Each structure stands twice: as C-alpha cells, then as structure tokens.
C-alpha cells in the first residue's frame, strides 16, 4: 500500500509542476510577471524515492562510445538523398514495367479481336 501512496504523491507533484508551468507560460504570453514560486525540477519529481540524484552518479565514460557512432550531418544528408533517388528509380521502373506489360496484353487483345472479326476478307492460299 505505501507504494500506491508514493505513486499518488508523485503524480500530484507532477500535476503541480505542470500547473506551475502553465501559469508561467500564461504570464509570459500576457506580459504579466509570474506569481508562482519555483518548484522542484522535473527530474526530482520523476525520480523514485531513494534514488540517487544524477549529480551523485559517477560518469560511466559513455562519451567515447557515443562519439564512435556519431555521423557527420553532411554524410547523413547525402545518404538520405541517395536513398530517396534509389527509391524513386525503383518506383519508376516498376511503374513503367507495369505500364509496358499492360500495353502488351492490351495490344495482344486488340490483335486477337481484329483477326477474329466477321466480315473481313481472308486471303486464300
């Protein structure tokens, strides 16, 4: 049961933080000074009871690992452009291929229709 009470208290703090933010935004838009006292940060509200603060946790050294996987934005832009052009080329090839196949079968149907129509004079051998 204490877990439920803790969760409800955490939810109430979250709602209070959200209402304070709304008040600050309304005051900013209307040009009036905000009459809201500063509340705890959202990280404190979201952290479970007994958890260490982010400042108390030692750095894990993940920056070199993340730097290893970073991509140059210019290269990323070129990769996206190549992907889009490839997708466009494949789409056009499929479209033109399907139009060609449809024309082939339609023309074949017309040739068969012309050859079998009554009233045409056929050559004798």
Foldseek 3Di string as FASTA:
>chain_A
DVVVVQVVVLVVLVVVVVVLVVQCVVCVVVVHDRPDDDDDDVQVSPDGPPDDDPVPDDDPPCVVVVVVPDDDVVVVVVVVVVVVVVVVVVVVVVVVVVVVVVVVVVVVVVVVVVVPDPPDDDDDD
